[in-house]
PDB file of N, CA and C in Angstrom:
ATOM      1  N   MET A   1       7.366  -0.221  -6.594  1.00  0.00           N
ATOM      2  CA  MET A   1       6.846   0.251  -5.328  1.00  0.00           C
ATOM      3  C   MET A   1       5.382  -0.189  -5.198  1.00  0.00           C
ATOM      4  N   PRO A   2       5.002  -0.749  -4.068  1.00  0.00           N
ATOM      5  CA  PRO A   2       3.620  -1.195  -3.866  1.00  0.00           C
ATOM      6  C   PRO A   2       2.643  -0.019  -3.870  1.00  0.00           C
ATOM      7  N   ILE A   3       1.419  -0.325  -4.189  1.00  0.00           N
ATOM      8  CA  ILE A   3       0.360   0.678  -4.174  1.00  0.00           C
ATOM      9  C   ILE A   3      -0.277   0.691  -2.783  1.00  0.00           C
ATOM     10  N   GLU A   4      -0.648   1.842  -2.315  1.00  0.00           N
ATOM     11  CA  GLU A   4      -1.330   1.968  -1.026  1.00  0.00           C
ATOM     12  C   GLU A   4      -2.814   1.641  -1.211  1.00  0.00           C
ATOM     13  N   ALA A   5      -3.416   1.091  -0.188  1.00  0.00           N
ATOM     14  CA  ALA A   5      -4.841   0.767  -0.232  1.00  0.00           C
ATOM     15  C   ALA A   5      -5.676   2.006  -0.533  1.00  0.00           C
ATOM     16  N   ALA A   6      -5.287   3.146   0.025  1.00  0.00           N
ATOM     17  CA  ALA A   6      -6.024   4.389  -0.212  1.00  0.00           C
ATOM     18  C   ALA A   6      -5.965   4.805  -1.683  1.00  0.00           C
ATOM     19  N   GLU A   7      -4.828   4.589  -2.325  1.00  0.00           N
ATOM     20  CA  GLU A   7      -4.691   4.911  -3.748  1.00  0.00           C
ATOM     21  C   GLU A   7      -5.548   3.972  -4.594  1.00  0.00           C
ATOM     22  N   LEU A   8      -5.558   2.710  -4.234  1.00  0.00           N
ATOM     23  CA  LEU A   8      -6.393   1.740  -4.944  1.00  0.00           C
ATOM     24  C   LEU A   8      -7.863   2.132  -4.823  1.00  0.00           C
ATOM     25  N   ARG A   9      -8.283   2.477  -3.629  1.00  0.00           N
ATOM     26  CA  ARG A   9      -9.671   2.915  -3.410  1.00  0.00           C
ATOM     27  C   ARG A   9      -9.968   4.169  -4.234  1.00  0.00           C
ATOM     28  N   ARG A  10      -9.048   5.128  -4.250  1.00  0.00           N
ATOM     29  CA  ARG A  10      -9.261   6.382  -4.986  1.00  0.00           C
ATOM     30  C   ARG A  10      -9.439   6.132  -6.472  1.00  0.00           C
ATOM     31  N   LEU A  11      -8.613   5.262  -7.048  1.00  0.00           N
ATOM     32  CA  LEU A  11      -8.718   4.964  -8.471  1.00  0.00           C
ATOM     33  C   LEU A  11     -10.081   4.366  -8.815  1.00  0.00           C
ATOM     34  N   ILE A  12     -10.539   3.462  -7.970  1.00  0.00           N
ATOM     35  CA  ILE A  12     -11.855   2.839  -8.211  1.00  0.00           C
ATOM     36  C   ILE A  12     -12.958   3.859  -7.969  1.00  0.00           C
ATOM     37  N   GLN A  13     -12.847   4.639  -6.899  1.00  0.00           N
ATOM     38  CA  GLN A  13     -13.875   5.632  -6.559  1.00  0.00           C
ATOM     39  C   GLN A  13     -13.987   6.713  -7.626  1.00  0.00           C
ATOM     40  N   ASP A  14     -12.867   7.090  -8.238  1.00  0.00           N
ATOM     41  CA  ASP A  14     -12.908   8.080  -9.314  1.00  0.00           C
ATOM     42  C   ASP A  14     -13.764   7.598 -10.483  1.00  0.00           C
ATOM     43  N   ALA A  15     -13.688   6.306 -10.785  1.00  0.00           N
ATOM     44  CA  ALA A  15     -14.453   5.746 -11.902  1.00  0.00           C
ATOM     45  C   ALA A  15     -15.892   5.403 -11.512  1.00  0.00           C
ATOM     46  N   PHE A  16     -16.090   5.091 -10.242  1.00  0.00           N
ATOM     47  CA  PHE A  16     -17.404   4.688  -9.742  1.00  0.00           C
ATOM     48  C   PHE A  16     -17.712   5.482  -8.474  1.00  0.00           C
ATOM     49  N   PRO A  17     -18.078   6.769  -8.634  1.00  0.00           N
ATOM     50  CA  PRO A  17     -18.192   7.663  -7.479  1.00  0.00           C
ATOM     51  C   PRO A  17     -19.238   7.254  -6.433  1.00  0.00           C
ATOM     52  N   HIS A  18     -20.229   6.481  -6.818  1.00  0.00           N
ATOM     53  CA  HIS A  18     -21.285   6.099  -5.879  1.00  0.00           C
ATOM     54  C   HIS A  18     -21.146   4.659  -5.399  1.00  0.00           C
ATOM     55  N   ALA A  19     -20.052   4.023  -5.749  1.00  0.00           N
ATOM     56  CA  ALA A  19     -19.854   2.615  -5.402  1.00  0.00           C
ATOM     57  C   ALA A  19     -19.564   2.440  -3.922  1.00  0.00           C
ATOM     58  N   LYS A  20     -19.944   1.282  -3.423  1.00  0.00           N
ATOM     59  CA  LYS A  20     -19.529   0.834  -2.098  1.00  0.00           C
ATOM     60  C   LYS A  20     -18.283  -0.019  -2.334  1.00  0.00           C
ATOM     61  N   ILE A  21     -17.167   0.383  -1.754  1.00  0.00           N
ATOM     62  CA  ILE A  21     -15.884  -0.270  -2.026  1.00  0.00           C
ATOM     63  C   ILE A  21     -15.274  -0.754  -0.716  1.00  0.00           C
ATOM     64  N   THR A  22     -14.878  -2.010  -0.713  1.00  0.00           N
ATOM     65  CA  THR A  22     -14.160  -2.580   0.420  1.00  0.00           C
ATOM     66  C   THR A  22     -12.822  -3.083  -0.090  1.00  0.00           C
ATOM     67  N   ILE A  23     -11.741  -2.600   0.503  1.00  0.00           N
ATOM     68  CA  ILE A  23     -10.385  -3.004   0.119  1.00  0.00           C
ATOM     69  C   ILE A  23      -9.762  -3.768   1.283  1.00  0.00           C
ATOM     70  N   THR A  24      -9.158  -4.915   0.981  1.00  0.00           N
ATOM     71  CA  THR A  24      -8.477  -5.725   1.995  1.00  0.00           C
ATOM     72  C   THR A  24      -7.074  -6.046   1.512  1.00  0.00           C
ATOM     73  N   ASP A  25      -6.072  -5.765   2.339  1.00  0.00           N
ATOM     74  CA  ASP A  25      -4.687  -6.142   2.026  1.00  0.00           C
ATOM     75  C   ASP A  25      -4.537  -7.608   2.425  1.00  0.00           C
ATOM     76  N   LEU A  26      -4.496  -8.489   1.454  1.00  0.00           N
ATOM     77  CA  LEU A  26      -4.536  -9.926   1.712  1.00  0.00           C
ATOM     78  C   LEU A  26      -3.245 -10.496   2.282  1.00  0.00           C
ATOM     79  N   ALA A  27      -2.114  -9.899   1.945  1.00  0.00           N
ATOM     80  CA  ALA A  27      -0.826 -10.455   2.372  1.00  0.00           C
ATOM     81  C   ALA A  27      -0.039  -9.501   3.257  1.00  0.00           C
ATOM     82  N   GLY A  28      -0.545  -8.294   3.460  1.00  0.00           N
ATOM     83  CA  GLY A  28       0.163  -7.321   4.276  1.00  0.00           C
ATOM     84  C   GLY A  28       1.378  -6.718   3.596  1.00  0.00           C
ATOM     85  N   ASP A  29       1.454  -6.875   2.274  1.00  0.00           N
ATOM     86  CA  ASP A  29       2.636  -6.405   1.545  1.00  0.00           C
ATOM     87  C   ASP A  29       2.356  -5.276   0.566  1.00  0.00           C
ATOM     88  N   GLY A  30       1.100  -4.840   0.476  1.00  0.00           N
ATOM     89  CA  GLY A  30       0.760  -3.768  -0.452  1.00  0.00           C
ATOM     90  C   GLY A  30       0.769  -4.185  -1.909  1.00  0.00           C
ATOM     91  N   ASN A  31       0.873  -5.470  -2.172  1.00  0.00           N
ATOM     92  CA  ASN A  31       0.873  -5.979  -3.549  1.00  0.00           C
ATOM     93  C   ASN A  31      -0.280  -6.924  -3.842  1.00  0.00           C
ATOM     94  N   HIS A  32      -0.911  -7.433  -2.821  1.00  0.00           N
ATOM     95  CA  HIS A  32      -1.975  -8.423  -2.978  1.00  0.00           C
ATOM     96  C   HIS A  32      -3.212  -7.932  -2.227  1.00  0.00           C
ATOM     97  N   TYR A  33      -4.201  -7.494  -2.981  1.00  0.00           N
ATOM     98  CA  TYR A  33      -5.407  -6.936  -2.380  1.00  0.00           C
ATOM     99  C   TYR A  33      -6.644  -7.720  -2.794  1.00  0.00           C
ATOM    100  N   GLY A  34      -7.649  -7.601  -1.966  1.00  0.00           N
ATOM    101  CA  GLY A  34      -8.994  -8.024  -2.309  1.00  0.00           C
ATOM    102  C   GLY A  34      -9.834  -6.762  -2.392  1.00  0.00           C
ATOM    103  N   ALA A  35     -10.748  -6.722  -3.330  1.00  0.00           N
ATOM    104  CA  ALA A  35     -11.639  -5.565  -3.453  1.00  0.00           C
ATOM    105  C   ALA A  35     -13.043  -6.050  -3.779  1.00  0.00           C
ATOM    106  N   GLU A  36     -14.004  -5.482  -3.083  1.00  0.00           N
ATOM    107  CA  GLU A  36     -15.400  -5.698  -3.431  1.00  0.00           C
ATOM    108  C   GLU A  36     -15.951  -4.350  -3.867  1.00  0.00           C
ATOM    109  N   VAL A  37     -16.544  -4.325  -5.045  1.00  0.00           N
ATOM    110  CA  VAL A  37     -17.088  -3.090  -5.600  1.00  0.00           C
ATOM    111  C   VAL A  37     -18.556  -3.344  -5.933  1.00  0.00           C
ATOM    112  N   VAL A  38     -19.429  -2.589  -5.294  1.00  0.00           N
ATOM    113  CA  VAL A  38     -20.870  -2.707  -5.520  1.00  0.00           C
ATOM    114  C   VAL A  38     -21.338  -1.373  -6.082  1.00  0.00           C
ATOM    115  N   ASP A  39     -21.911  -1.418  -7.296  1.00  0.00           N
ATOM    116  CA  ASP A  39     -22.307  -0.168  -7.942  1.00  0.00           C
ATOM    117  C   ASP A  39     -23.525  -0.392  -8.832  1.00  0.00           C
ATOM    118  N   ALA A  40     -24.396   0.589  -8.882  1.00  0.00           N
ATOM    119  CA  ALA A  40     -25.598   0.502  -9.708  1.00  0.00           C
ATOM    120  C   ALA A  40     -25.272   0.410 -11.192  1.00  0.00           C
ATOM    121  N   SER A  41     -24.147   0.968 -11.607  1.00  0.00           N
ATOM    122  CA  SER A  41     -23.791   0.953 -13.030  1.00  0.00           C
ATOM    123  C   SER A  41     -23.506  -0.458 -13.550  1.00  0.00           C
ATOM    124  N   PHE A  42     -23.347  -1.417 -12.659  1.00  0.00           N
ATOM    125  CA  PHE A  42     -23.096  -2.800 -13.072  1.00  0.00           C
ATOM    126  C   PHE A  42     -24.379  -3.534 -13.467  1.00  0.00           C
ATOM    127  N   LYS A  43     -25.517  -2.933 -13.198  1.00  0.00           N
ATOM    128  CA  LYS A  43     -26.785  -3.585 -13.518  1.00  0.00           C
ATOM    129  C   LYS A  43     -26.866  -3.869 -15.017  1.00  0.00           C
ATOM    130  N   GLY A  44     -27.193  -5.107 -15.360  1.00  0.00           N
ATOM    131  CA  GLY A  44     -27.306  -5.516 -16.751  1.00  0.00           C
ATOM    132  C   GLY A  44     -25.997  -5.996 -17.354  1.00  0.00           C
ATOM    133  N   LEU A  45     -24.897  -5.855 -16.628  1.00  0.00           N
ATOM    134  CA  LEU A  45     -23.596  -6.332 -17.106  1.00  0.00           C
ATOM    135  C   LEU A  45     -23.294  -7.685 -16.473  1.00  0.00           C
ATOM    136  N   ASN A  46     -22.652  -8.555 -17.234  1.00  0.00           N
ATOM    137  CA  ASN A  46     -22.237  -9.813 -16.626  1.00  0.00           C
ATOM    138  C   ASN A  46     -20.985  -9.569 -15.782  1.00  0.00           C
ATOM    139  N   ARG A  47     -20.572 -10.570 -15.039  1.00  0.00           N
ATOM    140  CA  ARG A  47     -19.447 -10.416 -14.110  1.00  0.00           C
ATOM    141  C   ARG A  47     -18.158 -10.023 -14.829  1.00  0.00           C
ATOM    142  N   VAL A  48     -17.907 -10.590 -16.002  1.00  0.00           N
ATOM    143  CA  VAL A  48     -16.693 -10.249 -16.755  1.00  0.00           C
ATOM    144  C   VAL A  48     -16.714  -8.779 -17.159  1.00  0.00           C
ATOM    145  N   GLN A  49     -17.833  -8.288 -17.636  1.00  0.00           N
ATOM    146  CA  GLN A  49     -17.945  -6.880 -18.024  1.00  0.00           C
ATOM    147  C   GLN A  49     -17.761  -5.958 -16.819  1.00  0.00           C
ATOM    148  N   GLN A  50     -18.313  -6.338 -15.685  1.00  0.00           N
ATOM    149  CA  GLN A  50     -18.161  -5.546 -14.466  1.00  0.00           C
ATOM    150  C   GLN A  50     -16.691  -5.468 -14.063  1.00  0.00           C
ATOM    151  N   GLN A  51     -16.018  -6.608 -14.063  1.00  0.00           N
ATOM    152  CA  GLN A  51     -14.628  -6.644 -13.636  1.00  0.00           C
ATOM    153  C   GLN A  51     -13.714  -5.930 -14.622  1.00  0.00           C
ATOM    154  N   ARG A  52     -14.000  -6.023 -15.901  1.00  0.00           N
ATOM    155  CA  ARG A  52     -13.206  -5.280 -16.891  1.00  0.00           C
ATOM    156  C   ARG A  52     -13.312  -3.778 -16.658  1.00  0.00           C
ATOM    157  N   ALA A  53     -14.500  -3.324 -16.287  1.00  0.00           N
ATOM    158  CA  ALA A  53     -14.692  -1.900 -16.024  1.00  0.00           C
ATOM    159  C   ALA A  53     -13.834  -1.459 -14.833  1.00  0.00           C
ATOM    160  N   VAL A  54     -13.760  -2.289 -13.803  1.00  0.00           N
ATOM    161  CA  VAL A  54     -12.934  -1.942 -12.637  1.00  0.00           C
ATOM    162  C   VAL A  54     -11.462  -1.977 -13.006  1.00  0.00           C
ATOM    163  N   TYR A  55     -11.028  -3.017 -13.720  1.00  0.00           N
ATOM    164  CA  TYR A  55      -9.617  -3.097 -14.122  1.00  0.00           C
ATOM    165  C   TYR A  55      -9.224  -1.898 -14.988  1.00  0.00           C
ATOM    166  N   ALA A  56     -10.135  -1.421 -15.834  1.00  0.00           N
ATOM    167  CA  ALA A  56      -9.851  -0.246 -16.661  1.00  0.00           C
ATOM    168  C   ALA A  56      -9.603   0.985 -15.782  1.00  0.00           C
ATOM    169  N   ALA A  57     -10.304   1.049 -14.658  1.00  0.00           N
ATOM    170  CA  ALA A  57     -10.140   2.183 -13.747  1.00  0.00           C
ATOM    171  C   ALA A  57      -8.783   2.172 -13.044  1.00  0.00           C
ATOM    172  N   LEU A  58      -8.109   1.045 -13.032  1.00  0.00           N
ATOM    173  CA  LEU A  58      -6.824   0.949 -12.331  1.00  0.00           C
ATOM    174  C   LEU A  58      -5.668   1.522 -13.129  1.00  0.00           C
ATOM    175  N   GLN A  59      -5.922   1.978 -14.340  1.00  0.00           N
ATOM    176  CA  GLN A  59      -4.943   2.727 -15.131  1.00  0.00           C
ATOM    177  C   GLN A  59      -3.583   2.040 -15.206  1.00  0.00           C
ATOM    178  N   ASP A  60      -3.594   0.807 -15.593  1.00  0.00           N
ATOM    179  CA  ASP A  60      -2.354   0.052 -15.812  1.00  0.00           C
ATOM    180  C   ASP A  60      -1.514  -0.190 -14.565  1.00  0.00           C
ATOM    181  N   LYS A  61      -2.079  -0.069 -13.394  1.00  0.00           N
ATOM    182  CA  LYS A  61      -1.323  -0.327 -12.161  1.00  0.00           C
ATOM    183  C   LYS A  61      -0.926  -1.799 -12.047  1.00  0.00           C
ATOM    184  N   MET A  62      -1.587  -2.681 -12.825  1.00  0.00           N
ATOM    185  CA  MET A  62      -1.269  -4.108 -12.802  1.00  0.00           C
ATOM    186  C   MET A  62      -0.464  -4.525 -14.034  1.00  0.00           C
ATOM    187  N   LYS A  63      -0.041  -3.574 -14.806  1.00  0.00           N
ATOM    188  CA  LYS A  63       0.597  -3.867 -16.085  1.00  0.00           C
ATOM    189  C   LYS A  63       1.999  -4.451 -15.909  1.00  0.00           C
ATOM    190  N   GLY A  64       2.199  -5.619 -16.464  1.00  0.00           N
ATOM    191  CA  GLY A  64       3.522  -6.239 -16.494  1.00  0.00           C
ATOM    192  C   GLY A  64       4.050  -6.640 -15.134  1.00  0.00           C
ATOM    193  N   PRO A  65       5.224  -7.215 -15.117  1.00  0.00           N
ATOM    194  CA  PRO A  65       5.810  -7.700 -13.861  1.00  0.00           C
ATOM    195  C   PRO A  65       6.237  -6.581 -12.914  1.00  0.00           C
ATOM    196  N   ASP A  66       6.347  -5.368 -13.419  1.00  0.00           N
ATOM    197  CA  ASP A  66       6.753  -4.250 -12.579  1.00  0.00           C
ATOM    198  C   ASP A  66       5.581  -3.377 -12.141  1.00  0.00           C
ATOM    199  N   GLY A  67       4.364  -3.862 -12.347  1.00  0.00           N
ATOM    200  CA  GLY A  67       3.188  -3.092 -11.941  1.00  0.00           C
ATOM    201  C   GLY A  67       3.145  -2.890 -10.437  1.00  0.00           C
ATOM    202  N   GLU A  68       2.517  -1.805 -10.016  1.00  0.00           N
ATOM    203  CA  GLU A  68       2.428  -1.490  -8.589  1.00  0.00           C
ATOM    204  C   GLU A  68       1.529  -2.461  -7.838  1.00  0.00           C
ATOM    205  N   LEU A  69       0.596  -3.068  -8.549  1.00  0.00           N
ATOM    206  CA  LEU A  69      -0.356  -3.990  -7.942  1.00  0.00           C
ATOM    207  C   LEU A  69      -0.145  -5.366  -8.558  1.00  0.00           C
ATOM    208  N   HIS A  70       0.312  -6.295  -7.743  1.00  0.00           N
ATOM    209  CA  HIS A  70       0.646  -7.629  -8.251  1.00  0.00           C
ATOM    210  C   HIS A  70      -0.598  -8.503  -8.433  1.00  0.00           C
ATOM    211  N   ALA A  71      -1.521  -8.452  -7.487  1.00  0.00           N
ATOM    212  CA  ALA A  71      -2.693  -9.323  -7.548  1.00  0.00           C
ATOM    213  C   ALA A  71      -3.895  -8.623  -6.927  1.00  0.00           C
ATOM    214  N   LEU A  72      -5.069  -8.853  -7.535  1.00  0.00           N
ATOM    215  CA  LEU A  72      -6.304  -8.294  -7.031  1.00  0.00           C
ATOM    216  C   LEU A  72      -7.397  -9.357  -7.111  1.00  0.00           C
ATOM    217  N   ALA A  73      -7.885  -9.781  -5.979  1.00  0.00           N
ATOM    218  CA  ALA A  73      -9.028 -10.686  -5.917  1.00  0.00           C
ATOM    219  C   ALA A  73     -10.261  -9.784  -5.949  1.00  0.00           C
ATOM    220  N   LEU A  74     -10.927  -9.740  -7.082  1.00  0.00           N
ATOM    221  CA  LEU A  74     -11.983  -8.762  -7.319  1.00  0.00           C
ATOM    222  C   LEU A  74     -13.369  -9.421  -7.311  1.00  0.00           C
ATOM    223  N   THR A  75     -14.252  -8.828  -6.536  1.00  0.00           N
ATOM    224  CA  THR A  75     -15.655  -9.215  -6.514  1.00  0.00           C
ATOM    225  C   THR A  75     -16.462  -7.987  -6.897  1.00  0.00           C
ATOM    226  N   THR A  76     -17.345  -8.133  -7.862  1.00  0.00           N
ATOM    227  CA  THR A  76     -18.206  -7.017  -8.263  1.00  0.00           C
ATOM    228  C   THR A  76     -19.657  -7.457  -8.174  1.00  0.00           C
ATOM    229  N   LYS A  77     -20.517  -6.502  -7.871  1.00  0.00           N
ATOM    230  CA  LYS A  77     -21.953  -6.768  -7.770  1.00  0.00           C
ATOM    231  C   LYS A  77     -22.716  -5.521  -8.185  1.00  0.00           C
ATOM    232  N   ALA A  78     -23.872  -5.743  -8.793  1.00  0.00           N
ATOM    233  CA  ALA A  78     -24.757  -4.626  -9.091  1.00  0.00           C
ATOM    234  C   ALA A  78     -25.518  -4.259  -7.820  1.00  0.00           C
ATOM    235  N   GLU A  79     -25.587  -2.983  -7.546  1.00  0.00           N
ATOM    236  CA  GLU A  79     -26.345  -2.535  -6.377  1.00  0.00           C
ATOM    237  C   GLU A  79     -27.810  -2.827  -6.606  1.00  0.00           C
ATOM    238  N   GLU A  80     -28.454  -3.338  -5.620  1.00  0.00           N
ATOM    239  CA  GLU A  80     -29.877  -3.689  -5.773  1.00  0.00           C
ATOM    240  C   GLU A  80     -30.774  -2.602  -5.281  1.00  0.00           C
TER     241      GLU A  80
END
């Protein structure tokens, strides 16, 4: 079953309560999303570390071929 955009936002927001989050359904199918996450906690982290932190917040929603989230185009930035 596909994940809802609101659920995806909630999972990220729970881990990064002060983040600015933009979610885009890229294919209109609930399986392919784009997300931009801007948060002060990313300061001093490289892009890979930032993205790993976001993926950890998704609680295995992308795990394996039966995951609720098939693809996520993720952009992360440290809040300035």
